[in-house]
Amino acid sequence: MDDRLELRLHPAVMAACVATGVICIVIGLIALGGGRGKSAAVVALAAWAVGLLVVATAIRSRLLLTPDGFRARYLWSRRSVPWSAVREFWEAPGFLGAIWTPRGRFPLPTTRLQWARAVWGVSRYEIALFGASRRELVDTLNAWLQRYAGA
């Protein structure tokens, strides 16, 4: 194993993102072709913005593995997680690739605001589908976890 591994999004996820972006851009062109004045321009700009955002996210997304931990890099996020904070990785359903469980237990929320933060914060344990397959992604992550968790 090298000291650093960089994984890109799964080709199917990348294709879905690019297709979504192209559809949004086409919707923008159709809206401009309809010619309803300012409202058509607003719809076109919104559709183009969404389309470009989806494509840019797909192009920029990476999963970086280092001896210190892993970093899921998306368009606007660079969240790093040390190996010492992870108990294990397992396969996730749907378009996700893996979910990681934390090593330590978190205190149980007591207020409504704490519960809301806990529910919305669950996505921080999810990793998109990077690499060739879910199984390969989870096996790779668990191998790096075994190797570097104690280091």
Foldseek 3Di string as FASTA:
>chain_A
DDQKDKWAAAPVLLVVLQVQLVVLQVQLVVLVVVPPPPVSNVSNVVSNVSSVQSNQQRVFWMWMQGLQFIWTDGDPDTDTDGLLQFDAWDQDDDQFQIFTDTPDDDDDDDDPVSVVCVVVVRCVRTHGHTDHHSVVVRVVRRVSSVVRNVD
